Amino acid sequence: MCGVKVFYVMAKEVVFSEVLCFIKNNFYKLPCSEIKPVLCNFYDDDELAIAKETLHKAVLNAVGDGIQLQLPRLPKRQGDGKTKLIVDDILKLFTIIDEWKLDVPRFVAEELSRIPFVNADSINVLALAKKLDCVETRLHSVEQILSKAVISGVNDSAPGTCSADGDSTATGAFDTDDFPPLLSVKMNHQISDFGTSRYEGSDVDLDNAMWTKVTRLHRLDQPHRSTTQSAQAQRRQETVQKK
């Protein structure tokens, strides 16, 4: 854990804090949106909490009687997202220091190994990598949702569901036993044009009759009839023609 040491050099207070030293030297070079991920990934919660407390005390001491400054409420952060909230509080305090030109101590580092080395290019690459991770996570979630929807749709319209009696039915399939034999169709027309009488028409040729095919949107392809059903249908058609 990083400690805090205070020295007085030439009437200027010096505070050893690697976190505050890093922010102080990069606050005017990089935006807060690029400094925040570096702080969250490099330092632990204890270091950030100590730095926040030290900076808050320095701001309170720098605010004099002539400055009417109301500091924001900075409670002790706990739970999920604790690190990000602590970093947000520290950056808020640095923003206040910059706006009000407060005289705060000089923040220096005792261990240079605890100072992350970053530049503008590395920050941009880091932000781009995080954006790519977010995009990949969203694509993965979308793929899972689509796969579940496809599987559920196939299960709902699967041909070959069995009933409680043991009889299997296929969605979209036709059983020729359900249809009565087609004989001849007799057309009876009644014409009431100036009292004309009724007459009966001749038999209709089923082979040359016009059939209308009814289609349905988003309907699965119907399975082909088996050879047994085709043979039965052909024999029945021959019987109908003979009759």
Protein backbone atom coordinates (compact mmCIF):
# COMPACT_ATOMS: atom_id res chain seq x y z
CA MET A 1 0.00 0.00 0.00
CA CYS A 2 1.30 3.41 -0.93
CA GLY A 3 1.85 5.67 2.08
CA VAL A 4 1.72 9.45 2.17
CA LYS A 5 4.62 11.52 3.47
CA VAL A 6 4.58 15.27 3.94
CA PHE A 7 7.66 17.49 3.80
CA TYR A 8 8.13 21.24 3.70
CA VAL A 9 10.63 22.51 1.14
CA MET A 10 11.06 26.28 0.77
CA ALA A 11 7.69 27.01 2.37
CA LYS A 12 5.95 24.70 -0.12
CA GLU A 13 4.27 21.61 1.13
CA VAL A 14 5.31 18.39 -0.61
CA VAL A 15 3.14 15.26 -0.50
CA PHE A 16 4.38 11.87 -1.66
CA SER A 17 1.60 10.20 -3.58
CA GLU A 18 2.17 8.32 -6.82
CA VAL A 19 -1.52 8.48 -7.77
CA LEU A 20 -1.80 12.24 -7.35
CA CYS A 21 1.59 12.81 -8.97
CA PHE A 22 0.50 10.89 -12.07
CA ILE A 23 -2.80 12.79 -12.30
CA LYS A 24 -1.13 16.16 -11.70
CA ASN A 25 1.36 15.63 -14.53
CA ASN A 26 -1.21 14.34 -17.02
CA PHE A 27 -4.29 16.33 -16.11
CA TYR A 28 -3.51 19.10 -18.59
CA LYS A 29 -2.22 16.77 -21.31
CA LEU A 30 -4.98 14.18 -21.58
CA PRO A 31 -8.74 14.32 -21.06
CA CYS A 32 -10.28 12.71 -17.99
CA SER A 33 -11.93 10.02 -20.13
CA GLU A 34 -8.46 8.73 -21.07
CA ILE A 35 -6.87 9.09 -17.63
CA LYS A 36 -9.66 7.21 -15.87
CA PRO A 37 -9.08 3.73 -17.42
CA VAL A 38 -5.35 3.94 -16.64
CA LEU A 39 -6.03 4.70 -12.97
CA CYS A 40 -8.64 1.93 -12.68
CA ASN A 41 -6.37 -0.71 -14.21
CA PHE A 42 -3.02 0.25 -12.67
CA TYR A 43 -3.79 1.16 -9.05
CA ASP A 44 -5.72 -0.82 -6.45
CA ASP A 45 -8.61 0.41 -4.32
CA ASP A 46 -6.50 1.16 -1.23
CA GLU A 47 -4.10 3.42 -3.12
CA LEU A 48 -6.95 5.29 -4.76
CA ALA A 49 -8.85 5.70 -1.48
CA ILE A 50 -5.77 7.13 0.31
CA ALA A 51 -5.11 9.49 -2.61
CA LYS A 52 -8.73 10.69 -2.55
CA GLU A 53 -8.60 11.40 1.20
CA THR A 54 -5.28 13.23 0.89
CA LEU A 55 -6.50 15.37 -1.99
CA HIS A 56 -9.76 16.18 -0.21
CA LYS A 57 -7.89 17.45 2.86
CA ALA A 58 -5.57 19.52 0.64
CA VAL A 59 -8.55 21.16 -1.07
CA LEU A 60 -10.21 21.94 2.27
CA ASN A 61 -7.02 23.55 3.54
CA ALA A 62 -6.61 25.56 0.32
CA VAL A 63 -10.11 27.02 0.50
CA GLY A 64 -9.80 30.29 2.44
CA ASP A 65 -12.34 32.55 3.99
CA GLY A 66 -12.58 34.75 0.90
CA ILE A 67 -13.49 31.86 -1.42
CA GLN A 68 -17.12 30.85 -1.42
CA LEU A 69 -16.69 27.33 -2.67
CA GLN A 70 -19.12 24.52 -1.98
CA LEU A 71 -17.40 21.18 -2.41
CA PRO A 72 -19.43 18.25 -3.77
CA ARG A 73 -20.42 15.45 -1.46
CA LEU A 74 -17.83 12.69 -1.67
CA PRO A 75 -18.94 9.73 0.43
CA LYS A 76 -16.96 6.58 1.08
CA ARG A 77 -17.46 4.35 -1.93
CA GLN A 78 -18.40 0.70 -1.47
CA GLY A 79 -19.84 -2.18 -3.46
CA ASP A 80 -19.59 -2.83 -7.19
CA GLY A 81 -17.95 -0.12 -9.26
CA LYS A 82 -16.07 1.18 -6.24
CA THR A 83 -12.86 1.84 -8.17
CA LYS A 84 -14.53 3.88 -10.90
CA LEU A 85 -16.44 5.99 -8.37
CA ILE A 86 -13.27 6.78 -6.40
CA VAL A 87 -11.47 7.83 -9.58
CA ASP A 88 -14.42 10.04 -10.52
CA ASP A 89 -14.23 11.77 -7.13
CA ILE A 90 -10.49 12.40 -7.51
CA LEU A 91 -10.93 13.87 -10.99
CA LYS A 92 -13.75 16.10 -9.70
CA LEU A 93 -11.43 17.50 -7.04
CA PHE A 94 -8.72 18.16 -9.63
CA THR A 95 -11.28 19.95 -11.79
CA ILE A 96 -12.21 22.17 -8.84
CA ILE A 97 -8.52 22.89 -8.19
CA ASP A 98 -8.04 23.91 -11.82
CA GLU A 99 -11.16 26.11 -11.98
CA TRP A 100 -10.56 27.95 -8.71
CA LYS A 101 -6.76 28.02 -9.00
CA LEU A 102 -6.34 26.61 -5.51
CA ASP A 103 -2.92 26.47 -3.91
CA VAL A 104 -2.50 22.77 -3.18
CA PRO A 105 0.66 20.95 -2.14
CA ARG A 106 3.16 19.62 -4.61
CA PHE A 107 2.52 15.96 -5.30
CA VAL A 108 5.61 13.89 -6.00
CA ALA A 109 6.37 10.20 -6.41
CA GLU A 110 8.64 8.18 -4.14
CA GLU A 111 8.58 4.99 -6.25
CA LEU A 112 8.72 5.54 -9.98
CA SER A 113 7.66 1.94 -10.58
CA ARG A 114 4.21 2.92 -9.31
CA ILE A 115 3.85 5.53 -12.06
CA PRO A 116 2.30 4.15 -15.26
CA PHE A 117 4.09 5.22 -18.42
CA VAL A 118 1.53 6.32 -20.97
CA ASN A 119 1.34 8.67 -23.90
CA ALA A 120 -1.39 9.84 -26.21
CA ASP A 121 -0.93 6.93 -28.64
CA SER A 122 -1.07 4.24 -25.98
CA ILE A 123 -4.15 5.83 -24.42
CA ASN A 124 -5.94 5.84 -27.76
CA VAL A 125 -5.03 2.19 -28.36
CA LEU A 126 -6.28 1.25 -24.91
CA ALA A 127 -9.60 3.03 -25.47
CA LEU A 128 -9.96 1.37 -28.87
CA ALA A 129 -9.26 -2.05 -27.38
CA LYS A 130 -11.96 -1.53 -24.76
CA LYS A 131 -14.45 -0.49 -27.42
CA LEU A 132 -13.64 -3.62 -29.41
CA ASP A 133 -14.22 -5.75 -26.31
CA CYS A 134 -17.62 -4.14 -25.82
CA VAL A 135 -18.54 -4.76 -29.47
CA GLU A 136 -17.49 -8.42 -29.26
CA THR A 137 -19.53 -8.88 -26.08
CA ARG A 138 -22.62 -7.39 -27.73
CA LEU A 139 -22.18 -9.53 -30.85
CA HIS A 140 -21.85 -12.65 -28.70
CA SER A 141 -25.08 -11.83 -26.84
CA VAL A 142 -26.89 -11.16 -30.13
CA GLU A 143 -25.69 -14.51 -31.53
CA GLN A 144 -26.98 -16.32 -28.45
CA ILE A 145 -30.39 -14.64 -28.74
CA LEU A 146 -30.67 -15.47 -32.44
CA SER A 147 -29.63 -19.08 -31.94
CA LYS A 148 -32.21 -19.54 -29.19
CA ALA A 149 -34.90 -18.00 -31.40
CA VAL A 150 -34.02 -20.29 -34.32
CA ILE A 151 -34.00 -23.39 -32.13
CA SER A 152 -37.35 -22.52 -30.55
CA GLY A 153 -38.85 -21.82 -33.98
CA VAL A 154 -37.68 -25.18 -35.34
CA ASN A 155 -39.07 -27.02 -32.33
CA ASP A 156 -42.46 -25.32 -32.67
CA SER A 157 -42.80 -26.20 -36.36
CA ALA A 158 -41.06 -29.58 -36.33
CA PRO A 159 -42.86 -32.14 -38.56
CA GLY A 160 -43.52 -35.39 -36.74
CA THR A 161 -45.15 -34.65 -33.41
CA CYS A 162 -46.79 -37.55 -31.61
CA SER A 163 -50.18 -37.34 -29.98
CA ALA A 164 -51.35 -39.01 -26.80
CA ASP A 165 -53.04 -41.86 -28.71
CA GLY A 166 -49.80 -42.78 -30.39
CA ASP A 167 -50.80 -41.44 -33.80
CA SER A 168 -48.11 -39.33 -35.41
CA THR A 169 -48.99 -36.32 -37.50
CA ALA A 170 -46.71 -34.27 -39.71
CA THR A 171 -47.06 -30.53 -40.06
CA GLY A 172 -47.90 -29.63 -43.62
CA ALA A 173 -48.38 -33.29 -44.75
CA PHE A 174 -51.63 -34.60 -46.25
CA ASP A 175 -53.16 -38.03 -45.73
CA THR A 176 -55.06 -39.30 -48.76
CA ASP A 177 -57.36 -41.42 -46.55
CA ASP A 178 -58.96 -38.26 -45.22
CA PHE A 179 -60.32 -37.31 -48.65
CA PRO A 180 -63.39 -39.05 -50.16
CA PRO A 181 -63.06 -40.48 -53.67
CA LEU A 182 -63.54 -37.92 -56.38
CA LEU A 183 -66.24 -38.98 -58.79
CA SER A 184 -67.97 -36.64 -61.14
CA VAL A 185 -69.20 -33.21 -60.36
CA LYS A 186 -72.54 -32.23 -61.76
CA MET A 187 -73.25 -28.60 -62.27
CA ASN A 188 -76.78 -27.38 -61.88
CA HIS A 189 -77.37 -23.82 -62.89
CA GLN A 190 -80.58 -21.94 -62.50
CA ILE A 191 -80.95 -19.00 -64.82
CA SER A 192 -83.60 -16.49 -63.98
CA ASP A 193 -83.37 -14.30 -67.03
CA PHE A 194 -86.91 -13.26 -68.06
CA GLY A 195 -88.33 -16.46 -66.63
CA THR A 196 -86.07 -18.91 -68.42
CA SER A 197 -86.19 -22.45 -67.13
CA ARG A 198 -83.56 -24.43 -65.21
CA TYR A 199 -81.07 -26.72 -66.89
CA GLU A 200 -78.42 -29.19 -65.82
CA GLY A 201 -74.84 -29.19 -67.12
CA SER A 202 -72.66 -32.09 -68.04
CA ASP A 203 -69.92 -33.74 -66.00
CA VAL A 204 -66.76 -31.75 -65.32
CA ASP A 205 -63.43 -33.09 -66.57
CA LEU A 206 -61.26 -33.28 -63.45
CA ASP A 207 -58.02 -33.70 -65.40
CA ASN A 208 -58.46 -30.39 -67.21
CA ALA A 209 -60.00 -28.52 -64.30
CA MET A 210 -58.37 -25.35 -63.01
CA TRP A 211 -56.87 -25.65 -59.55
CA THR A 212 -55.85 -22.77 -57.31
CA LYS A 213 -52.74 -23.14 -55.21
CA VAL A 214 -52.97 -21.41 -51.83
CA THR A 215 -49.66 -20.37 -50.33
CA ARG A 216 -48.87 -19.09 -46.89
CA LEU A 217 -46.16 -16.67 -45.85
CA HIS A 218 -43.20 -18.08 -43.89
CA ARG A 219 -44.43 -21.62 -44.29
CA LEU A 220 -42.02 -24.49 -44.11
CA ASP A 221 -41.56 -26.69 -47.13
CA GLN A 222 -44.01 -29.57 -47.06
CA PRO A 223 -42.40 -33.02 -46.93
CA HIS A 224 -42.80 -35.17 -50.03
CA ARG A 225 -45.34 -37.95 -49.98
CA SER A 226 -44.08 -41.41 -49.47
CA THR A 227 -44.09 -43.94 -52.25
CA THR A 228 -46.97 -45.86 -50.61
CA GLN A 229 -49.20 -42.81 -50.48
CA SER A 230 -48.34 -41.92 -54.09
CA ALA A 231 -49.24 -45.43 -55.23
CA GLN A 232 -52.55 -45.31 -53.35
CA ALA A 233 -53.40 -41.93 -54.85
CA GLN A 234 -52.58 -43.18 -58.35
CA ARG A 235 -54.78 -46.27 -57.95
CA ARG A 236 -57.66 -44.17 -56.69
CA GLN A 237 -57.31 -41.78 -59.61
CA GLU A 238 -57.40 -44.69 -62.04
CA THR A 239 -60.55 -46.00 -60.30
CA VAL A 240 -62.15 -42.60 -60.59
CA GLN A 241 -61.35 -42.39 -64.30
CA LYS A 242 -62.75 -45.87 -64.92
CA LYS A 243 -66.00 -44.98 -63.13
